[in-house]
Each structure stands twice: as C-alpha cells, then as structure tokens.
C-alpha cells in the first residue's frame, strides 16, 4: 500500500506545473513538447531511482521550460520545487569563478601574477598550507592556473594516502581538476578584498542576480523548503548544511536561482566583453581519458574532435552548433550538470538530489537538447542501464555496549586541520559530529560501529595500555585513519 501511495503522489507532483511550460527548440531546430519532456524525465527518474529532479531549458538565453519533479523528501512526500534549496556541489566553482573575473575586470587581480604575492605572509605559514613548505613550486602558481585547473594541486588533500597537500607536477603544464586550487584562490581573494567569501558572493553575485535563496553557508530561511540528498539505495542522507564558506563546493542554491546565474553568464552580465570572452576561452587542452581520478595521466585523442579544453572555471568543447561551456557538480546525494551553447544561447540545467542522478544525464542531453557531443566517457557519466548491479548492502547486527565503554571513545579525531570529526555520547548512543551535522553510529562490537543510513563504518584503535589512539573511518570505498587529538 505504501508503495502505491508514493507512486500516486509522484505522478501528481510531476504533473502539477505542466500547463505553464512551453515547447523547447532543440539544437537541430526540432521542437519537443512539454508532454514529451515530462514523459522523458518521469520515465528516467523511475528507471534510475532518482527521487527528485529539477530541469531548466533555455532558448535564446531565456527560460522556456523550468520544472521540478518528484520529491525533496520522499519519506514525507514533500514535493521538490524550483525554490527547494539543494547542495550546488561544484556548481559552486563557476559561481566563484564569475566573481573572481569581476576582480580581474577591476584590475584588482592579475591572472598571471603568482598568487603568493597577494598574501600577507609566505603561503606555507598559513596553517592549511604548511605541507608546501618544502616545495618552492608554490611560488609559480597563478590565478589562471587555479581557475583552469593546471596548478598541480590534488582535487582534495584527504584523497592522498598521507592526507597531505602536495604539488604533483610543474604548475601550468597540464589539466588536473582541483578543488584545493579553488580553495587557495579563495584565500587570495579574501586577502585582496578584506571580505569573507560569503560577503563577496552575496554582494557581487547573489544579490545582483536576484539569487535570494543562495548562499555559501546554510541560512535559517532555507529550512522552509530544502531537499534531502539520497544515496544509490534511496536512503536519505538529509540536507547538506554547510557552516563554512568553501569556494570548491559549499554553495546552497535552487533550480530557479542557478538558472538565473546561467542566464547572466550567457548574456555576459556583470563582466566586460573582453573578460567574459577570456573566461570562456580555452586555456588548456584536455587529453586525459577521464576527468577522475584527477591525477591519472592516460592521454587519448578521443576528445580531440570536439576540442575538449578548460577555460577559467568552465569546461569547453566545440560543436557544429558553436562553443559549449559546461560544469558538473557531484557530492554525496546531489548530482548536477549544466551546459550551454553560446552561439544559440541554448542550454540546460539539471539538478538532482540523488547519487543516481548522473545515470540519466546522457539520455536527457540527447533527448531534450539533441546534444550528442557531451564527453560522457571522459565525465564518467555511465547511463543507468549500463551500470553493473549494485552490490547487496552489508548486513550488520546491532549489540548493546556499556556507556562506560562508549565514554572511552569520546573526543576529537583528525585527518588534517580541515577534516576533524568529534565523537560524543548521548545517553546510550554514539554520535559523530561533522560541523553541525550529527551522524548516529551503532555498535556491532565494542570497537566497531556502523551507520544505518549509509555505508559508513568506524573502528576505534586501542594501544597496549588500553588508550584509544585512532578512529578508522571506512566510507566511499576508502579507509581513512584519523588520529585522536588531545
């Protein structure tokens, strides 16, 4: 009975705003009706098990179709709306890059001046950059390299085996996507302006473009309409309430707000023509077979026909319909994608609240846009019907553990200054705090704990004297040792 009620609510939700939409002219000149768009998206959501999808379609830089489908909270049957706040993931990077290009326009930032020269002290003297003290190549890194992902920095330092920040190749010589690069540029921009990232984005991007439900940190007014993220098994991960502004991925936004941003970018609003063209001009050719893992260097000619490259914050490729600029966003429970064709000012924004979201991109792009040029293989956007079967969920048996034992694990555990988890006891429960987010873990032995809403597991390591020295976190197929902090 519950499944049937959910299905009925889903159909009602997807049909609610159908009459307000227009037919969309695709890249090849053909048109697709609202009914066909609706049927395509609904079918794909069901087949790929995606709870919620937001879609915006642009013709001549104008929104001709915008609609939210499915649920922002599947358990409560709350409909996703164009105003539902979602995690932007790496959509954050292009909004940040747009703001940075305003500083370039104002000549407050020189793209080719080494960024360390903008700082008040040597880069390795900042706590987050101690690891670079022995590598003078940090002095070569420029804002251009940080925006076009050629700095040599890893995507995220905690993905390294030693969890330390490092430079992996001569800066400026090849493409390797780097969130760390964006965060370094954040430090530089905040130093130049004397303002926080949140202040800069509100003043220069969100307020001018009417993005009233967007922020680099979670806002209390988002509580009225926000989306939960869901994993590949449709388990709710809750919302992603970021408390620290992060240029690589902390932005919260909505389908409506981000679509306004894309309109501004297509129109070149807020930038001089010269700076706008520079932002969307190739800076580095991309020859890697895949974008991720970012540091794998496996050259290929597969994308030479579309001249795959990176601009300043944006991916680029060429088609018979002119230049395309694109950006993906990927984080736990939220998968997003946008691409626009500059010549026709035709494009799409896709925002989903599911780990399964990437599986529907290819068919959406081909069917709705007639875009067959997207480097799907390079992006690793495997269609849902080509994915291997999902492994069965690991079965756990919960046991009771004395509170005195749980108290031994209370404390702070760190991979780096940027990644610290706090363990607290709440009655007979063990809670992992990550910022303001709480994750309850359940014991299956005195030292081993598991999550009921994700695949995360932790094990506490004890030395010969019985002291807890480390917490081993297993998540996303990785094992991350975290030292206990005194």
Protein backbone atom coordinates (compact mmCIF):
# COMPACT_ATOMS: atom_id res chain seq x y z
CA UNK A 1 0.00 0.00 0.00
CA UNK A 2 2.78 2.46 0.87
CA UNK A 3 4.48 1.95 -2.50
CA UNK A 4 1.24 2.65 -4.35
CA UNK A 5 0.65 5.85 -2.37
CA UNK A 6 4.17 7.06 -3.16
CA UNK A 7 3.65 6.38 -6.86
CA UNK A 8 0.37 8.30 -6.90
CA UNK A 9 1.95 11.26 -5.16
CA UNK A 10 4.85 11.16 -7.63
CA UNK A 11 2.51 11.36 -10.62
CA UNK A 12 0.61 14.29 -9.08
CA UNK A 13 3.85 16.12 -8.31
CA UNK A 14 5.29 15.77 -11.80
CA UNK A 15 2.08 16.87 -13.48
CA UNK A 16 1.40 19.92 -11.31
CA UNK A 17 3.05 22.66 -13.38
CA UNK A 18 2.80 21.14 -16.85
CA UNK A 19 0.46 23.80 -18.29
CA UNK A 20 2.88 26.65 -17.57
CA UNK A 21 5.65 25.26 -19.79
CA UNK A 22 6.47 25.96 -23.45
CA UNK A 23 7.73 23.79 -26.28
CA UNK A 24 11.52 23.80 -26.47
CA UNK A 25 13.56 24.22 -29.65
CA UNK A 26 16.47 21.82 -29.66
CA UNK A 27 19.90 22.38 -31.16
CA UNK A 28 18.96 20.82 -34.50
CA UNK A 29 15.92 23.06 -34.86
CA UNK A 30 13.36 20.43 -33.94
CA UNK A 31 10.93 21.01 -31.10
CA UNK A 32 9.96 18.89 -28.13
CA UNK A 33 6.63 19.45 -26.39
CA UNK A 34 6.09 19.83 -22.65
CA UNK A 35 4.30 16.47 -22.62
CA UNK A 36 7.29 14.75 -24.25
CA UNK A 37 9.72 16.43 -21.85
CA UNK A 38 7.56 15.43 -18.92
CA UNK A 39 7.25 11.81 -20.07
CA UNK A 40 11.00 11.51 -20.67
CA UNK A 41 12.01 12.84 -17.27
CA UNK A 42 9.38 10.87 -15.37
CA UNK A 43 10.39 7.63 -17.11
CA UNK A 44 14.09 8.18 -16.42
CA UNK A 45 13.54 9.06 -12.77
CA UNK A 46 11.62 5.87 -12.17
CA UNK A 47 14.04 3.68 -14.09
CA UNK A 48 17.16 5.13 -12.44
CA UNK A 49 15.58 5.54 -8.96
CA UNK A 50 16.10 9.28 -8.69
CA UNK A 51 13.77 10.88 -6.08
CA UNK A 52 13.92 14.47 -7.34
CA UNK A 53 15.00 16.31 -10.49
CA UNK A 54 14.90 19.98 -11.45
CA UNK A 55 15.19 20.95 -15.12
CA UNK A 56 15.58 24.33 -16.82
CA UNK A 57 15.79 24.72 -20.61
CA UNK A 58 16.98 27.90 -22.34
CA UNK A 59 16.31 29.25 -25.84
CA UNK A 60 17.98 32.49 -26.90
CA UNK A 61 19.12 32.94 -23.31
CA UNK A 62 15.56 32.88 -21.97
CA UNK A 63 13.97 30.27 -19.74
CA UNK A 64 11.33 28.48 -21.81
CA UNK A 65 10.89 25.45 -19.57
CA UNK A 66 11.51 25.08 -15.86
CA UNK A 67 10.10 22.40 -13.67
CA UNK A 68 10.82 20.35 -10.56
CA UNK A 69 9.84 16.68 -10.47
CA UNK A 70 9.45 14.19 -7.66
CA UNK A 71 10.34 14.73 -4.05
CA UNK A 72 12.62 16.84 -1.89
CA UNK A 73 11.69 14.50 0.97
CA UNK A 74 10.47 11.12 -0.27
CA UNK A 75 9.62 9.84 3.21
CA UNK A 76 7.27 12.74 3.90
CA UNK A 77 6.07 13.01 0.28
CA UNK A 78 7.19 16.66 0.09
CA UNK A 79 7.43 17.85 -3.50
CA UNK A 80 10.64 19.27 -4.93
CA UNK A 81 10.13 22.82 -6.17
CA UNK A 82 12.15 25.31 -8.19
CA UNK A 83 12.76 27.08 -4.85
CA UNK A 84 13.90 24.00 -2.93
CA UNK A 85 17.42 24.57 -1.61
CA UNK A 86 19.87 21.93 -2.80
CA UNK A 87 23.61 21.49 -2.49
CA UNK A 88 25.24 23.02 -5.56
CA UNK A 89 28.36 20.85 -5.16
CA UNK A 90 30.89 22.01 -7.76
CA UNK A 91 28.43 24.39 -9.38
CA UNK A 92 29.98 26.49 -6.61
CA UNK A 93 33.21 26.73 -8.59
CA UNK A 94 31.70 28.51 -11.59
CA UNK A 95 29.80 30.99 -9.43
CA UNK A 96 33.07 31.69 -7.60
CA UNK A 97 34.99 31.97 -10.89
CA UNK A 98 32.45 34.51 -12.17
CA UNK A 99 33.04 36.62 -9.06
CA UNK A 100 36.83 36.31 -9.43
CA UNK A 101 36.61 37.51 -13.04
CA UNK A 102 34.93 40.67 -11.76
CA UNK A 103 38.09 41.34 -9.72
CA UNK A 104 40.13 40.72 -12.88
CA UNK A 105 37.92 43.24 -14.70
CA UNK A 106 38.62 45.76 -11.95
CA UNK A 107 42.37 45.06 -12.19
CA UNK A 108 42.48 44.05 -8.54
CA UNK A 109 43.67 40.59 -9.54
CA UNK A 110 46.21 39.78 -12.26
CA UNK A 111 45.66 36.29 -13.66
CA UNK A 112 49.38 35.78 -14.28
CA UNK A 113 50.88 37.18 -11.10
CA UNK A 114 51.96 34.43 -8.66
CA UNK A 115 49.22 34.31 -6.06
CA UNK A 116 51.56 34.13 -3.07
CA UNK A 117 52.46 37.75 -3.80
CA UNK A 118 48.94 38.81 -2.78
CA UNK A 119 49.28 37.30 0.69
CA UNK A 120 50.43 38.96 3.90
CA UNK A 121 52.92 36.20 4.69
CA UNK A 122 54.55 33.26 2.90
CA UNK A 123 51.96 30.68 1.87
CA UNK A 124 53.42 27.83 3.99
CA UNK A 125 52.98 29.97 7.11
CA UNK A 126 49.20 29.66 6.78
CA UNK A 127 48.04 26.61 8.80
CA UNK A 128 46.35 24.95 5.82
CA UNK A 129 49.48 25.21 3.67
CA UNK A 130 52.27 24.03 5.97
CA UNK A 131 52.65 20.95 3.78
CA UNK A 132 54.04 23.05 0.92
CA UNK A 133 56.98 24.42 2.94
CA UNK A 134 59.50 22.15 1.21
CA UNK A 135 58.25 22.71 -2.34
CA UNK A 136 59.11 26.09 -3.85
CA UNK A 137 56.89 25.40 -6.86
CA UNK A 138 54.02 27.01 -4.97
CA UNK A 139 55.67 30.30 -5.99
CA UNK A 140 54.84 29.55 -9.64
CA UNK A 141 51.09 29.17 -9.14
CA UNK A 142 48.90 31.91 -10.62
CA UNK A 143 45.18 32.64 -10.53
CA UNK A 144 44.93 31.49 -14.14
CA UNK A 145 46.31 28.09 -13.14
CA UNK A 146 43.89 27.84 -10.24
CA UNK A 147 40.89 28.66 -12.44
CA UNK A 148 41.85 26.35 -15.33
CA UNK A 149 42.95 23.51 -13.02
CA UNK A 150 46.62 23.38 -14.02
CA UNK A 151 48.16 24.18 -10.61
CA UNK A 152 49.30 20.62 -9.89
CA UNK A 153 47.39 20.54 -6.61
CA UNK A 154 45.25 17.47 -5.89
CA UNK A 155 41.47 17.58 -6.04
CA UNK A 156 41.23 17.19 -2.25
CA UNK A 157 44.20 16.53 0.01
CA UNK A 158 42.38 13.93 2.08
CA UNK A 159 42.23 11.73 -1.04
CA UNK A 160 46.02 11.41 -0.87
CA UNK A 161 47.29 8.39 1.04
CA UNK A 162 49.06 10.62 3.58
CA UNK A 163 46.18 13.18 3.52
CA UNK A 164 48.70 15.97 2.96
CA UNK A 165 48.63 18.78 0.41
CA UNK A 166 51.19 18.47 -2.37
CA UNK A 167 52.06 19.68 -5.87
CA UNK A 168 52.04 16.80 -8.33
CA UNK A 169 53.54 18.32 -11.49
CA UNK A 170 55.02 21.55 -12.80
CA UNK A 171 52.25 24.15 -12.43
CA UNK A 172 50.73 25.25 -15.71
CA UNK A 173 51.72 22.20 -17.75
CA UNK A 174 48.59 20.03 -17.77
CA UNK A 175 44.99 19.81 -16.62
CA UNK A 176 44.05 18.08 -13.36
CA UNK A 177 40.80 19.15 -11.69
CA UNK A 178 41.49 20.61 -8.26
CA UNK A 179 39.14 21.72 -5.51
CA UNK A 180 42.23 22.57 -3.48
CA UNK A 181 43.14 25.08 -6.18
CA UNK A 182 39.83 26.86 -5.77
CA UNK A 183 40.27 27.00 -2.01
CA UNK A 184 43.73 28.53 -2.40
CA UNK A 185 42.21 31.16 -4.68
CA UNK A 186 39.58 31.83 -2.01
CA UNK A 187 42.38 32.65 0.46
CA UNK A 188 43.92 35.01 -2.09
CA UNK A 189 40.64 36.76 -2.93
CA UNK A 190 39.73 37.23 0.73
CA UNK A 191 43.19 38.70 1.33
CA UNK A 192 42.88 41.13 -1.60
CA UNK A 193 39.41 42.37 -0.68
CA UNK A 194 39.41 42.11 3.11
CA UNK A 195 35.99 40.45 2.86
CA UNK A 196 34.82 36.92 3.51
CA UNK A 197 33.78 34.69 0.64
CA UNK A 198 30.15 34.78 1.80
CA UNK A 199 30.17 38.59 1.80
CA UNK A 200 31.75 38.75 -1.64
CA UNK A 201 29.32 36.28 -3.19
CA UNK A 202 26.28 37.98 -1.71
CA UNK A 203 27.45 41.45 -2.83
CA UNK A 204 28.72 40.54 -6.28
CA UNK A 205 26.70 37.53 -7.41
CA UNK A 206 23.64 36.53 -5.38
CA UNK A 207 22.06 39.93 -4.71
CA UNK A 208 22.71 41.47 -8.16
CA UNK A 209 21.31 38.42 -9.95
CA UNK A 210 18.27 38.01 -7.72
CA UNK A 211 19.51 34.72 -6.23
CA UNK A 212 17.63 35.24 -2.96
CA UNK A 213 17.81 31.58 -1.87
CA UNK A 214 21.53 31.09 -2.45
CA UNK A 215 24.41 31.28 -0.02
CA UNK A 216 27.86 29.90 0.64
CA UNK A 217 26.69 28.87 4.13
CA UNK A 218 23.39 27.46 5.35
CA UNK A 219 20.72 30.04 6.16
CA UNK A 220 17.80 29.62 8.56
CA UNK A 221 15.32 30.75 5.90
CA UNK A 222 16.24 27.64 3.87
CA UNK A 223 14.51 25.45 6.44
CA UNK A 224 11.07 26.01 4.89
CA UNK A 225 11.94 24.30 1.60
CA UNK A 226 15.07 22.19 1.23
CA UNK A 227 15.93 18.87 -0.38
CA UNK A 228 17.34 15.81 1.29
CA UNK A 229 20.08 14.00 -0.61
CA UNK A 230 19.70 10.27 -1.31
CA UNK A 231 22.28 7.55 -1.85
CA UNK A 232 22.20 4.94 -4.62
CA UNK A 233 19.98 2.72 -2.45
CA UNK A 234 17.49 5.60 -1.97
CA UNK A 235 18.46 6.06 1.67
CA UNK A 236 18.09 9.63 2.86
CA UNK A 237 21.32 11.46 3.69
CA UNK A 238 19.43 14.55 4.81
CA UNK A 239 20.27 18.10 3.68
CA UNK A 240 23.84 19.34 3.33
CA UNK A 241 24.02 22.26 5.77
CA UNK A 242 27.43 23.83 5.23
CA UNK A 243 28.59 26.18 8.00
CA UNK A 244 31.91 27.21 6.47
CA UNK A 245 32.15 29.01 3.12
CA UNK A 246 34.18 26.92 0.68
CA UNK A 247 34.78 28.07 -2.92
CA UNK A 248 35.09 24.47 -4.09
CA UNK A 249 31.65 23.25 -3.06
CA UNK A 250 29.73 24.82 -0.17
CA UNK A 251 27.12 26.80 -2.12
CA UNK A 252 23.45 26.11 -1.44
CA UNK A 253 21.14 27.17 -4.24
CA UNK A 254 17.91 26.36 -6.04
CA UNK A 255 16.98 25.43 -9.57
CA UNK A 256 15.46 28.88 -10.02
CA UNK A 257 18.46 30.75 -8.63
CA UNK A 258 21.13 28.82 -10.50
CA UNK A 259 19.16 29.20 -13.72
CA UNK A 260 19.27 32.99 -13.20
CA UNK A 261 23.03 32.70 -12.83
CA UNK A 262 23.31 30.76 -16.09
CA UNK A 263 21.26 33.40 -17.88
CA UNK A 264 23.68 36.04 -16.61
CA UNK A 265 26.67 34.06 -17.83
CA UNK A 266 25.12 33.51 -21.27
CA UNK A 267 24.43 37.25 -21.52
CA UNK A 268 27.86 38.28 -20.20
CA UNK A 269 26.13 40.27 -17.48
CA UNK A 270 28.42 41.74 -14.82
CA UNK A 271 31.61 41.39 -16.88
CA UNK A 272 33.22 43.37 -19.68
CA UNK A 273 33.04 41.72 -23.07
CA UNK A 274 36.79 41.12 -23.05
CA UNK A 275 36.78 39.45 -19.62
CA UNK A 276 33.69 37.40 -20.44
CA UNK A 277 35.34 36.10 -23.62
CA UNK A 278 38.51 35.30 -21.69
CA UNK A 279 36.55 33.32 -19.11
CA UNK A 280 35.03 31.16 -21.85
CA UNK A 281 38.18 30.81 -23.97
CA UNK A 282 40.35 27.65 -23.97
CA UNK A 283 43.30 27.92 -21.60
CA UNK A 284 44.48 24.31 -21.64
CA UNK A 285 43.74 21.36 -23.93
CA UNK A 286 42.44 18.28 -22.15
CA UNK A 287 43.92 14.99 -23.32
CA UNK A 288 43.21 12.73 -20.34
CA UNK A 289 40.89 9.78 -20.90
CA UNK A 290 38.87 10.60 -17.77
CA UNK A 291 38.42 13.63 -15.54
CA UNK A 292 38.52 11.47 -12.41
CA UNK A 293 40.68 10.34 -10.72
CA UNK A 294 42.12 13.76 -11.35
CA UNK A 295 45.84 12.93 -11.33
CA UNK A 296 45.67 9.85 -13.58
CA UNK A 297 47.56 10.73 -16.75
CA UNK A 298 46.35 8.48 -19.57
CA UNK A 299 46.49 10.59 -22.74
CA UNK A 300 43.96 9.95 -25.50
CA UNK A 301 42.80 11.54 -28.76
CA UNK A 302 39.17 10.58 -28.13
CA UNK A 303 38.02 14.15 -27.44
CA UNK A 304 40.19 15.94 -29.97
CA UNK A 305 37.32 16.21 -32.47
CA UNK A 306 35.38 18.40 -30.03
CA UNK A 307 38.49 20.30 -28.86
CA UNK A 308 37.83 19.49 -25.22
CA UNK A 309 39.52 22.10 -23.06
CA UNK A 310 39.17 24.19 -19.94
CA UNK A 311 38.57 27.90 -19.68
CA UNK A 312 38.59 29.93 -16.48
CA UNK A 313 36.27 27.93 -14.25
CA UNK A 314 34.39 26.26 -17.14
CA UNK A 315 34.81 23.16 -19.27
CA UNK A 316 34.62 23.84 -23.02
CA UNK A 317 34.12 21.99 -26.28
CA UNK A 318 33.27 22.79 -29.89
CA UNK A 319 30.31 21.50 -31.93
CA UNK A 320 28.60 22.33 -35.24
CA UNK A 321 26.33 24.50 -33.06
CA UNK A 322 29.24 26.52 -31.76
CA UNK A 323 31.08 26.65 -28.46
CA UNK A 324 29.64 24.82 -25.46
CA UNK A 325 30.54 25.64 -21.87
CA UNK A 326 29.67 23.23 -19.09
CA UNK A 327 30.05 22.37 -15.42
CA UNK A 328 29.20 19.36 -13.33
CA UNK A 329 28.52 19.17 -9.59
CA UNK A 330 28.98 15.97 -7.61
CA UNK A 331 28.71 15.40 -3.87
CA UNK A 332 27.04 12.87 -1.58
CA UNK A 333 23.36 12.73 -2.54
CA UNK A 334 23.40 15.64 -5.02
CA UNK A 335 24.37 15.40 -8.72
CA UNK A 336 24.11 18.41 -11.03
CA UNK A 337 25.02 19.30 -14.60
CA UNK A 338 24.72 22.30 -16.90
CA UNK A 339 25.77 23.01 -20.48
CA UNK A 340 25.02 26.00 -22.70
CA UNK A 341 25.74 26.62 -26.37
CA UNK A 342 26.95 30.15 -26.73
CA UNK A 343 26.03 30.70 -30.38
CA UNK A 344 22.32 29.94 -29.94
CA UNK A 345 22.14 30.70 -26.20
CA UNK A 346 20.51 27.29 -25.84
CA UNK A 347 21.17 25.19 -22.77
CA UNK A 348 20.06 23.10 -19.84
CA UNK A 349 20.40 22.95 -16.05
CA UNK A 350 19.92 19.57 -14.37
CA UNK A 351 19.82 19.35 -10.58
CA UNK A 352 19.12 16.10 -8.74
CA UNK A 353 19.04 15.00 -5.12
CA UNK A 354 20.32 11.50 -5.76
CA UNK A 355 23.58 9.61 -6.13
CA UNK A 356 21.88 8.02 -9.15
CA UNK A 357 21.44 11.37 -10.90
CA UNK A 358 24.40 11.06 -13.26
CA UNK A 359 22.88 7.93 -14.77
CA UNK A 360 20.17 9.95 -16.54
CA UNK A 361 22.34 12.76 -17.94
CA UNK A 362 23.16 11.21 -21.32
CA UNK A 363 19.55 10.48 -22.27
CA UNK A 364 18.37 13.87 -21.01
CA UNK A 365 21.02 15.68 -23.05
CA UNK A 366 20.34 13.69 -26.20
CA UNK A 367 16.54 13.65 -25.97
CA UNK A 368 15.82 17.13 -24.65
CA UNK A 369 18.71 19.05 -26.24
CA UNK A 370 19.79 16.84 -29.18
CA UNK A 371 23.28 17.20 -27.77
CA UNK A 372 25.35 14.19 -28.81
CA UNK A 373 28.69 15.88 -28.22
CA UNK A 374 28.98 15.74 -24.42
CA UNK A 375 32.18 13.88 -23.42
CA UNK A 376 30.18 11.34 -21.42
CA UNK A 377 33.04 8.83 -21.14
CA UNK A 378 35.51 11.49 -20.00
CA UNK A 379 32.99 12.66 -17.39
CA UNK A 380 32.31 9.04 -16.35
CA UNK A 381 28.56 9.63 -16.61
CA UNK A 382 27.65 5.97 -17.10
CA UNK A 383 23.99 5.63 -18.17
CA UNK A 384 21.84 3.97 -15.52
CA UNK A 385 21.05 0.96 -17.74
CA UNK A 386 24.76 0.25 -18.31
CA UNK A 387 25.79 0.22 -14.67
CA UNK A 388 26.75 -3.09 -13.06
CA UNK A 389 24.30 -4.48 -10.49
CA UNK A 390 24.55 -2.72 -7.16
CA UNK A 391 26.24 -4.87 -4.52
CA UNK A 392 23.96 -6.12 -1.79
CA UNK A 393 24.03 -3.98 1.33
CA UNK A 394 26.27 -5.31 4.07
CA UNK A 395 24.29 -6.76 6.93
CA UNK A 396 25.08 -5.62 10.47
CA UNK A 397 23.87 -6.88 13.83
CA UNK A 398 23.48 -4.24 16.50
CA UNK A 399 24.56 -5.09 20.04
CA UNK A 400 24.41 -3.26 23.37
CA UNK A 401 27.59 -1.62 24.69
CA UNK A 402 28.09 -0.23 28.18
CA UNK A 403 28.12 3.54 28.43
CA UNK A 404 31.47 3.40 30.20
CA UNK A 405 32.98 1.87 27.07
CA UNK A 406 31.36 4.47 24.84
CA UNK A 407 32.85 7.20 27.01
CA UNK A 408 36.34 5.97 26.14
CA UNK A 409 35.75 6.96 22.51
CA UNK A 410 34.56 10.50 23.18
CA UNK A 411 36.92 13.08 21.69
CA UNK A 412 38.14 14.74 18.51
CA UNK A 413 39.72 12.86 15.61
CA UNK A 414 41.50 14.48 12.68
CA UNK A 415 42.93 13.72 9.25
CA UNK A 416 44.03 17.32 8.82
CA UNK A 417 43.08 20.75 10.23
CA UNK A 418 40.32 20.85 7.58
CA UNK A 419 38.82 17.46 8.40
CA UNK A 420 38.02 16.96 12.09
CA UNK A 421 35.25 14.72 13.47
CA UNK A 422 34.01 14.89 17.04
CA UNK A 423 32.67 11.83 18.87
CA UNK A 424 30.15 12.42 21.66
CA UNK A 425 27.91 10.17 23.73
CA UNK A 426 24.23 10.99 24.01
CA UNK A 427 22.73 8.58 26.51
CA UNK A 428 23.41 5.13 25.11
CA UNK A 429 24.12 6.47 21.64
CA UNK A 430 27.42 7.33 19.94
CA UNK A 431 27.24 10.43 17.75
CA UNK A 432 29.75 11.59 15.16
CA UNK A 433 29.62 15.37 14.72
CA UNK A 434 30.86 16.88 11.47
CA UNK A 435 30.42 20.61 11.83
CA UNK A 436 26.77 21.00 12.80
CA UNK A 437 25.77 17.65 11.30
CA UNK A 438 25.20 14.64 13.57
CA UNK A 439 25.58 11.02 12.47
CA UNK A 440 24.49 8.25 14.82
CA UNK A 441 26.64 5.11 14.77
CA UNK A 442 25.53 1.73 16.10
CA UNK A 443 27.78 -0.90 17.72
CA UNK A 444 28.30 -4.36 16.30
CA UNK A 445 31.22 -4.99 18.66
CA UNK A 446 32.82 -2.99 21.43
CA UNK A 447 35.08 -1.23 18.92
CA UNK A 448 33.21 -1.47 15.61
CA UNK A 449 30.27 0.76 14.70
CA UNK A 450 28.09 1.22 11.61
CA UNK A 451 25.60 3.67 10.13
CA UNK A 452 22.02 2.67 9.37
CA UNK A 453 21.61 5.35 6.70
CA UNK A 454 24.87 4.97 4.77
CA UNK A 455 27.73 2.50 4.26
CA UNK A 456 29.99 4.29 6.73
CA UNK A 457 31.76 2.21 9.37
CA UNK A 458 34.21 3.13 12.11
CA UNK A 459 36.63 1.15 14.24
CA UNK A 460 38.40 2.52 17.29
CA UNK A 461 42.06 1.52 17.61
CA UNK A 462 43.43 0.89 21.12
CA UNK A 463 47.11 0.70 22.12
CA UNK A 464 48.73 -1.76 24.53
CA UNK A 465 47.84 0.38 27.52
CA UNK A 466 44.17 0.45 26.56
CA UNK A 467 44.20 4.06 25.32
CA UNK A 468 42.16 4.94 22.25
CA UNK A 469 44.64 6.43 19.77
CA UNK A 470 42.83 6.42 16.46
CA UNK A 471 39.49 6.10 14.71
CA UNK A 472 39.45 4.28 11.39
CA UNK A 473 36.69 5.58 9.11
CA UNK A 474 35.56 3.47 6.15
CA UNK A 475 33.49 5.43 3.66
CA UNK A 476 33.06 5.53 -0.11
CA UNK A 477 35.32 2.52 -0.59
CA UNK A 478 38.20 4.21 1.25
CA UNK A 479 39.74 3.63 4.67
CA UNK A 480 40.72 6.86 6.39
CA UNK A 481 42.76 6.69 9.62
CA UNK A 482 42.02 9.60 11.94
CA UNK A 483 44.33 10.39 14.86
CA UNK A 484 42.85 11.22 18.22
CA UNK A 485 43.55 14.81 19.26
CA UNK A 486 44.40 15.53 22.87
